[in-house]
Amino acid sequence: MNKDVSNIFTATADNKVVVVETNLKAFVEKLRLIEPKIKSYDIYYREFKKADSVEYKNDKGKTYNLQKMKF
């Protein structure tokens, strides 16, 4: 594993990983390709400072579990 990687961000939906990234900004950009109405990078930056997991529910009721894993 690369020693420069300190975090991994994942998004899961329906028990499947749909997005993985080591950079939060890139993570939000990739997630936005799947869910265009997600919150901004700044919101998730603040959310992940408080907790290691965040839940996002879209208009159709689909739930995404967003998680930050620290190394």
PDB file of N, CA and C in Angstrom:
ATOM      1  N   MET A   1       0.833  -1.173   0.000  1.00  0.00           N
ATOM      2  CA  MET A   1       0.000   0.000   0.000  1.00  0.00           C
ATOM      3  C   MET A   1       0.883   1.243   0.000  1.00  0.00           C
ATOM      4  N   ASN A   2       0.454   2.241  -0.683  1.00  0.00           N
ATOM      5  CA  ASN A   2       1.176   3.504  -0.771  1.00  0.00           C
ATOM      6  C   ASN A   2       1.167   4.195   0.587  1.00  0.00           C
ATOM      7  N   LYS A   3       2.335   4.552   1.098  1.00  0.00           N
ATOM      8  CA  LYS A   3       2.427   5.183   2.417  1.00  0.00           C
ATOM      9  C   LYS A   3       1.859   6.596   2.434  1.00  0.00           C
ATOM     10  N   ASP A   4       1.668   7.210   1.263  1.00  0.00           N
ATOM     11  CA  ASP A   4       1.096   8.550   1.192  1.00  0.00           C
ATOM     12  C   ASP A   4      -0.423   8.547   1.315  1.00  0.00           C
ATOM     13  N   VAL A   5      -1.039   7.379   1.237  1.00  0.00           N
ATOM     14  CA  VAL A   5      -2.495   7.278   1.346  1.00  0.00           C
ATOM     15  C   VAL A   5      -2.857   7.194   2.829  1.00  0.00           C
ATOM     16  N   SER A   6      -3.628   8.164   3.288  1.00  0.00           N
ATOM     17  CA  SER A   6      -4.032   8.156   4.695  1.00  0.00           C
ATOM     18  C   SER A   6      -5.528   7.868   4.871  1.00  0.00           C
ATOM     19  N   ASN A   7      -6.307   8.034   3.798  1.00  0.00           N
ATOM     20  CA  ASN A   7      -7.749   7.793   3.850  1.00  0.00           C
ATOM     21  C   ASN A   7      -8.214   7.104   2.572  1.00  0.00           C
ATOM     22  N   ILE A   8      -9.260   6.311   2.731  1.00  0.00           N
ATOM     23  CA  ILE A   8      -9.969   5.755   1.581  1.00  0.00           C
ATOM     24  C   ILE A   8     -11.447   6.058   1.805  1.00  0.00           C
ATOM     25  N   PHE A   9     -12.078   6.617   0.783  1.00  0.00           N
ATOM     26  CA  PHE A   9     -13.497   6.942   0.842  1.00  0.00           C
ATOM     27  C   PHE A   9     -14.252   5.947  -0.026  1.00  0.00           C
ATOM     28  N   THR A  10     -15.337   5.400   0.512  1.00  0.00           N
ATOM     29  CA  THR A  10     -16.147   4.450  -0.247  1.00  0.00           C
ATOM     30  C   THR A  10     -17.613   4.850  -0.193  1.00  0.00           C
ATOM     31  N   ALA A  11     -18.317   4.507  -1.249  1.00  0.00           N
ATOM     32  CA  ALA A  11     -19.769   4.664  -1.289  1.00  0.00           C
ATOM     33  C   ALA A  11     -20.349   3.306  -1.641  1.00  0.00           C
ATOM     34  N   THR A  12     -21.285   2.847  -0.830  1.00  0.00           N
ATOM     35  CA  THR A  12     -21.945   1.575  -1.104  1.00  0.00           C
ATOM     36  C   THR A  12     -23.442   1.806  -1.261  1.00  0.00           C
ATOM     37  N   ALA A  13     -24.026   1.014  -2.128  1.00  0.00           N
ATOM     38  CA  ALA A  13     -25.473   1.024  -2.343  1.00  0.00           C
ATOM     39  C   ALA A  13     -25.893  -0.401  -2.661  1.00  0.00           C
ATOM     40  N   ASP A  14     -26.962  -0.850  -2.043  1.00  0.00           N
ATOM     41  CA  ASP A  14     -27.449  -2.224  -2.249  1.00  0.00           C
ATOM     42  C   ASP A  14     -26.346  -3.248  -1.991  1.00  0.00           C
ATOM     43  N   ASN A  15     -25.564  -3.030  -0.940  1.00  0.00           N
ATOM     44  CA  ASN A  15     -24.480  -3.926  -0.525  1.00  0.00           C
ATOM     45  C   ASN A  15     -23.376  -4.084  -1.566  1.00  0.00           C
ATOM     46  N   LYS A  16     -23.215  -3.083  -2.425  1.00  0.00           N
ATOM     47  CA  LYS A  16     -22.153  -3.094  -3.418  1.00  0.00           C
ATOM     48  C   LYS A  16     -21.393  -1.780  -3.361  1.00  0.00           C
ATOM     49  N   VAL A  17     -20.089  -1.857  -3.498  1.00  0.00           N
ATOM     50  CA  VAL A  17     -19.273  -0.649  -3.554  1.00  0.00           C
ATOM     51  C   VAL A  17     -19.445  -0.032  -4.933  1.00  0.00           C
ATOM     52  N   VAL A  18     -19.829   1.248  -4.968  1.00  0.00           N
ATOM     53  CA  VAL A  18     -20.054   1.916  -6.251  1.00  0.00           C
ATOM     54  C   VAL A  18     -18.987   2.967  -6.554  1.00  0.00           C
ATOM     55  N   VAL A  19     -18.316   3.481  -5.520  1.00  0.00           N
ATOM     56  CA  VAL A  19     -17.242   4.458  -5.711  1.00  0.00           C
ATOM     57  C   VAL A  19     -16.173   4.230  -4.645  1.00  0.00           C
ATOM     58  N   VAL A  20     -14.908   4.272  -5.061  1.00  0.00           N
ATOM     59  CA  VAL A  20     -13.767   4.211  -4.144  1.00  0.00           C
ATOM     60  C   VAL A  20     -12.763   5.252  -4.600  1.00  0.00           C
ATOM     61  N   GLU A  21     -12.247   6.007  -3.641  1.00  0.00           N
ATOM     62  CA  GLU A  21     -11.258   7.034  -3.973  1.00  0.00           C
ATOM     63  C   GLU A  21     -10.447   7.368  -2.724  1.00  0.00           C
ATOM     64  N   THR A  22      -9.217   7.822  -2.922  1.00  0.00           N
ATOM     65  CA  THR A  22      -8.369   8.197  -1.791  1.00  0.00           C
ATOM     66  C   THR A  22      -8.417   9.690  -1.506  1.00  0.00           C
ATOM     67  N   ASN A  23      -9.016  10.443  -2.374  1.00  0.00           N
ATOM     68  CA  ASN A  23      -9.104  11.888  -2.236  1.00  0.00           C
ATOM     69  C   ASN A  23     -10.581  12.279  -2.149  1.00  0.00           C
ATOM     70  N   LEU A  24     -10.936  13.070  -1.135  1.00  0.00           N
ATOM     71  CA  LEU A  24     -12.347  13.402  -0.932  1.00  0.00           C
ATOM     72  C   LEU A  24     -12.936  14.182  -2.100  1.00  0.00           C
ATOM     73  N   LYS A  25     -12.201  15.131  -2.640  1.00  0.00           N
ATOM     74  CA  LYS A  25     -12.726  15.926  -3.757  1.00  0.00           C
ATOM     75  C   LYS A  25     -13.000  15.036  -4.973  1.00  0.00           C
ATOM     76  N   ALA A  26     -12.075  14.155  -5.298  1.00  0.00           N
ATOM     77  CA  ALA A  26     -12.260  13.219  -6.414  1.00  0.00           C
ATOM     78  C   ALA A  26     -13.408  12.252  -6.116  1.00  0.00           C
ATOM     79  N   PHE A  27     -13.538  11.855  -4.862  1.00  0.00           N
ATOM     80  CA  PHE A  27     -14.621  10.969  -4.447  1.00  0.00           C
ATOM     81  C   PHE A  27     -15.985  11.613  -4.714  1.00  0.00           C
ATOM     82  N   VAL A  28     -16.138  12.873  -4.301  1.00  0.00           N
ATOM     83  CA  VAL A  28     -17.407  13.587  -4.501  1.00  0.00           C
ATOM     84  C   VAL A  28     -17.683  13.770  -5.992  1.00  0.00           C
ATOM     85  N   GLU A  29     -16.654  14.059  -6.774  1.00  0.00           N
ATOM     86  CA  GLU A  29     -16.838  14.226  -8.224  1.00  0.00           C
ATOM     87  C   GLU A  29     -17.301  12.930  -8.877  1.00  0.00           C
ATOM     88  N   LYS A  30     -16.715  11.796  -8.480  1.00  0.00           N
ATOM     89  CA  LYS A  30     -17.134  10.498  -9.034  1.00  0.00           C
ATOM     90  C   LYS A  30     -18.550  10.140  -8.583  1.00  0.00           C
ATOM     91  N   LEU A  31     -18.856  10.424  -7.336  1.00  0.00           N
ATOM     92  CA  LEU A  31     -20.190  10.139  -6.828  1.00  0.00           C
ATOM     93  C   LEU A  31     -21.234  11.000  -7.530  1.00  0.00           C
ATOM     94  N   ARG A  32     -20.867  12.214  -7.871  1.00  0.00           N
ATOM     95  CA  ARG A  32     -21.778  13.115  -8.573  1.00  0.00           C
ATOM     96  C   ARG A  32     -22.136  12.571  -9.963  1.00  0.00           C
ATOM     97  N   LEU A  33     -21.274  11.778 -10.576  1.00  0.00           N
ATOM     98  CA  LEU A  33     -21.585  11.155 -11.866  1.00  0.00           C
ATOM     99  C   LEU A  33     -22.752  10.168 -11.731  1.00  0.00           C
ATOM    100  N   ILE A  34     -22.862   9.551 -10.560  1.00  0.00           N
ATOM    101  CA  ILE A  34     -23.937   8.598 -10.299  1.00  0.00           C
ATOM    102  C   ILE A  34     -25.172   9.313  -9.752  1.00  0.00           C
ATOM    103  N   GLU A  35     -24.941  10.248  -8.828  1.00  0.00           N
ATOM    104  CA  GLU A  35     -26.017  10.988  -8.161  1.00  0.00           C
ATOM    105  C   GLU A  35     -25.756  12.490  -8.302  1.00  0.00           C
ATOM    106  N   PRO A  36     -26.262  13.115  -9.339  1.00  0.00           N
ATOM    107  CA  PRO A  36     -25.980  14.532  -9.610  1.00  0.00           C
ATOM    108  C   PRO A  36     -26.434  15.507  -8.514  1.00  0.00           C
ATOM    109  N   LYS A  37     -27.362  15.106  -7.670  1.00  0.00           N
ATOM    110  CA  LYS A  37     -27.901  16.026  -6.665  1.00  0.00           C
ATOM    111  C   LYS A  37     -27.226  15.924  -5.300  1.00  0.00           C
ATOM    112  N   ILE A  38     -26.094  15.242  -5.203  1.00  0.00           N
ATOM    113  CA  ILE A  38     -25.437  15.129  -3.899  1.00  0.00           C
ATOM    114  C   ILE A  38     -24.947  16.490  -3.434  1.00  0.00           C
ATOM    115  N   LYS A  39     -24.646  16.556  -2.153  1.00  0.00           N
ATOM    116  CA  LYS A  39     -24.162  17.798  -1.558  1.00  0.00           C
ATOM    117  C   LYS A  39     -22.774  18.138  -2.094  1.00  0.00           C
ATOM    118  N   SER A  40     -22.319  19.342  -1.774  1.00  0.00           N
ATOM    119  CA  SER A  40     -21.023  19.811  -2.259  1.00  0.00           C
ATOM    120  C   SER A  40     -19.863  19.187  -1.481  1.00  0.00           C
ATOM    121  N   TYR A  41     -18.689  19.320  -2.057  1.00  0.00           N
ATOM    122  CA  TYR A  41     -17.459  18.851  -1.413  1.00  0.00           C
ATOM    123  C   TYR A  41     -17.314  19.444  -0.018  1.00  0.00           C
ATOM    124  N   ASP A  42     -17.573  20.740   0.142  1.00  0.00           N
ATOM    125  CA  ASP A  42     -17.412  21.416   1.437  1.00  0.00           C
ATOM    126  C   ASP A  42     -18.293  20.793   2.520  1.00  0.00           C
ATOM    127  N   ILE A  43     -19.502  20.431   2.149  1.00  0.00           N
ATOM    128  CA  ILE A  43     -20.422  19.800   3.110  1.00  0.00           C
ATOM    129  C   ILE A  43     -19.856  18.468   3.572  1.00  0.00           C
ATOM    130  N   TYR A  44     -19.396  17.644   2.621  1.00  0.00           N
ATOM    131  CA  TYR A  44     -18.856  16.337   2.998  1.00  0.00           C
ATOM    132  C   TYR A  44     -17.541  16.466   3.754  1.00  0.00           C
ATOM    133  N   TYR A  45     -16.768  17.496   3.465  1.00  0.00           N
ATOM    134  CA  TYR A  45     -15.536  17.736   4.211  1.00  0.00           C
ATOM    135  C   TYR A  45     -15.881  17.936   5.692  1.00  0.00           C
ATOM    136  N   ARG A  46     -16.868  18.769   5.965  1.00  0.00           N
ATOM    137  CA  ARG A  46     -17.293  19.024   7.347  1.00  0.00           C
ATOM    138  C   ARG A  46     -17.936  17.787   7.979  1.00  0.00           C
ATOM    139  N   GLU A  47     -18.735  17.065   7.193  1.00  0.00           N
ATOM    140  CA  GLU A  47     -19.389  15.855   7.719  1.00  0.00           C
ATOM    141  C   GLU A  47     -18.354  14.804   8.132  1.00  0.00           C
ATOM    142  N   PHE A  48     -17.337  14.596   7.302  1.00  0.00           N
ATOM    143  CA  PHE A  48     -16.329  13.582   7.604  1.00  0.00           C
ATOM    144  C   PHE A  48     -15.366  14.022   8.700  1.00  0.00           C
ATOM    145  N   LYS A  49     -15.347  15.289   9.059  1.00  0.00           N
ATOM    146  CA  LYS A  49     -14.574  15.721  10.228  1.00  0.00           C
ATOM    147  C   LYS A  49     -15.286  15.285  11.507  1.00  0.00           C
ATOM    148  N   LYS A  50     -16.613  15.187  11.451  1.00  0.00           N
ATOM    149  CA  LYS A  50     -17.410  14.811  12.619  1.00  0.00           C
ATOM    150  C   LYS A  50     -17.546  13.296  12.779  1.00  0.00           C
ATOM    151  N   ALA A  51     -17.689  12.593  11.657  1.00  0.00           N
ATOM    152  CA  ALA A  51     -17.968  11.150  11.705  1.00  0.00           C
ATOM    153  C   ALA A  51     -17.284  10.442  10.546  1.00  0.00           C
ATOM    154  N   ASP A  52     -17.099   9.134  10.692  1.00  0.00           N
ATOM    155  CA  ASP A  52     -16.456   8.339   9.650  1.00  0.00           C
ATOM    156  C   ASP A  52     -17.441   7.786   8.634  1.00  0.00           C
ATOM    157  N   SER A  53     -18.736   7.959   8.880  1.00  0.00           N
ATOM    158  CA  SER A  53     -19.731   7.498   7.909  1.00  0.00           C
ATOM    159  C   SER A  53     -20.875   8.498   7.809  1.00  0.00           C
ATOM    160  N   VAL A  54     -21.410   8.592   6.603  1.00  0.00           N
ATOM    161  CA  VAL A  54     -22.490   9.522   6.295  1.00  0.00           C
ATOM    162  C   VAL A  54     -23.473   8.785   5.393  1.00  0.00           C
ATOM    163  N   GLU A  55     -24.744   9.056   5.566  1.00  0.00           N
ATOM    164  CA  GLU A  55     -25.758   8.426   4.719  1.00  0.00           C
ATOM    165  C   GLU A  55     -26.357   9.471   3.783  1.00  0.00           C
ATOM    166  N   TYR A  56     -26.537   9.086   2.521  1.00  0.00           N
ATOM    167  CA  TYR A  56     -27.189   9.948   1.537  1.00  0.00           C
ATOM    168  C   TYR A  56     -28.356   9.178   0.932  1.00  0.00           C
ATOM    169  N   LYS A  57     -29.523   9.795   0.926  1.00  0.00           N
ATOM    170  CA  LYS A  57     -30.704   9.177   0.326  1.00  0.00           C
ATOM    171  C   LYS A  57     -31.168  10.067  -0.823  1.00  0.00           C
ATOM    172  N   ASN A  58     -31.296   9.477  -2.023  1.00  0.00           N
ATOM    173  CA  ASN A  58     -31.719  10.272  -3.182  1.00  0.00           C
ATOM    174  C   ASN A  58     -33.242  10.417  -3.220  1.00  0.00           C
ATOM    175  N   ASP A  59     -33.735  11.124  -4.231  1.00  0.00           N
ATOM    176  CA  ASP A  59     -35.170  11.396  -4.368  1.00  0.00           C
ATOM    177  C   ASP A  59     -36.011  10.135  -4.511  1.00  0.00           C
ATOM    178  N   LYS A  60     -35.412   9.088  -5.062  1.00  0.00           N
ATOM    179  CA  LYS A  60     -36.142   7.844  -5.312  1.00  0.00           C
ATOM    180  C   LYS A  60     -36.068   6.879  -4.133  1.00  0.00           C
ATOM    181  N   GLY A  61     -35.385   7.297  -3.053  1.00  0.00           N
ATOM    182  CA  GLY A  61     -35.305   6.456  -1.865  1.00  0.00           C
ATOM    183  C   GLY A  61     -34.094   5.555  -1.803  1.00  0.00           C
ATOM    184  N   LYS A  62     -33.235   5.599  -2.797  1.00  0.00           N
ATOM    185  CA  LYS A  62     -32.033   4.783  -2.781  1.00  0.00           C
ATOM    186  C   LYS A  62     -31.046   5.377  -1.779  1.00  0.00           C
ATOM    187  N   THR A  63     -30.505   4.526  -0.929  1.00  0.00           N
ATOM    188  CA  THR A  63     -29.603   4.978   0.124  1.00  0.00           C
ATOM    189  C   THR A  63     -28.164   4.602  -0.207  1.00  0.00           C
ATOM    190  N   TYR A  64     -27.272   5.578  -0.037  1.00  0.00           N
ATOM    191  CA  TYR A  64     -25.833   5.373  -0.203  1.00  0.00           C
ATOM    192  C   TYR A  64     -25.174   5.558   1.157  1.00  0.00           C
ATOM    193  N   ASN A  65     -24.341   4.625   1.520  1.00  0.00           N
ATOM    194  CA  ASN A  65     -23.550   4.744   2.741  1.00  0.00           C
ATOM    195  C   ASN A  65     -22.155   5.182   2.343  1.00  0.00           C
ATOM    196  N   LEU A  66     -21.771   6.357   2.784  1.00  0.00           N
ATOM    197  CA  LEU A  66     -20.470   6.919   2.475  1.00  0.00           C
ATOM    198  C   LEU A  66     -19.585   6.720   3.703  1.00  0.00           C
ATOM    199  N   GLN A  67     -18.379   6.225   3.476  1.00  0.00           N
ATOM    200  CA  GLN A  67     -17.518   5.896   4.592  1.00  0.00           C
ATOM    201  C   GLN A  67     -16.098   6.375   4.361  1.00  0.00           C
ATOM    202  N   LYS A  68     -15.472   6.833   5.436  1.00  0.00           N
ATOM    203  CA  LYS A  68     -14.070   7.247   5.413  1.00  0.00           C
ATOM    204  C   LYS A  68     -13.295   6.260   6.268  1.00  0.00           C
ATOM    205  N   MET A  69     -12.295   5.613   5.674  1.00  0.00           N
ATOM    206  CA  MET A  69     -11.442   4.690   6.407  1.00  0.00           C
ATOM    207  C   MET A  69     -10.062   5.335   6.548  1.00  0.00           C
ATOM    208  N   LYS A  70      -9.595   5.434   7.783  1.00  0.00           N
ATOM    209  CA  LYS A  70      -8.305   6.061   8.066  1.00  0.00           C
ATOM    210  C   LYS A  70      -7.223   5.005   8.219  1.00  0.00           C
ATOM    211  N   PHE A  71      -6.024   5.386   7.789  1.00  0.00           N
ATOM    212  CA  PHE A  71      -4.871   4.486   7.934  1.00  0.00           C
ATOM    213  C   PHE A  71      -3.780   5.160   8.717  1.00  0.00           C
TER     214      PHE A  71
END
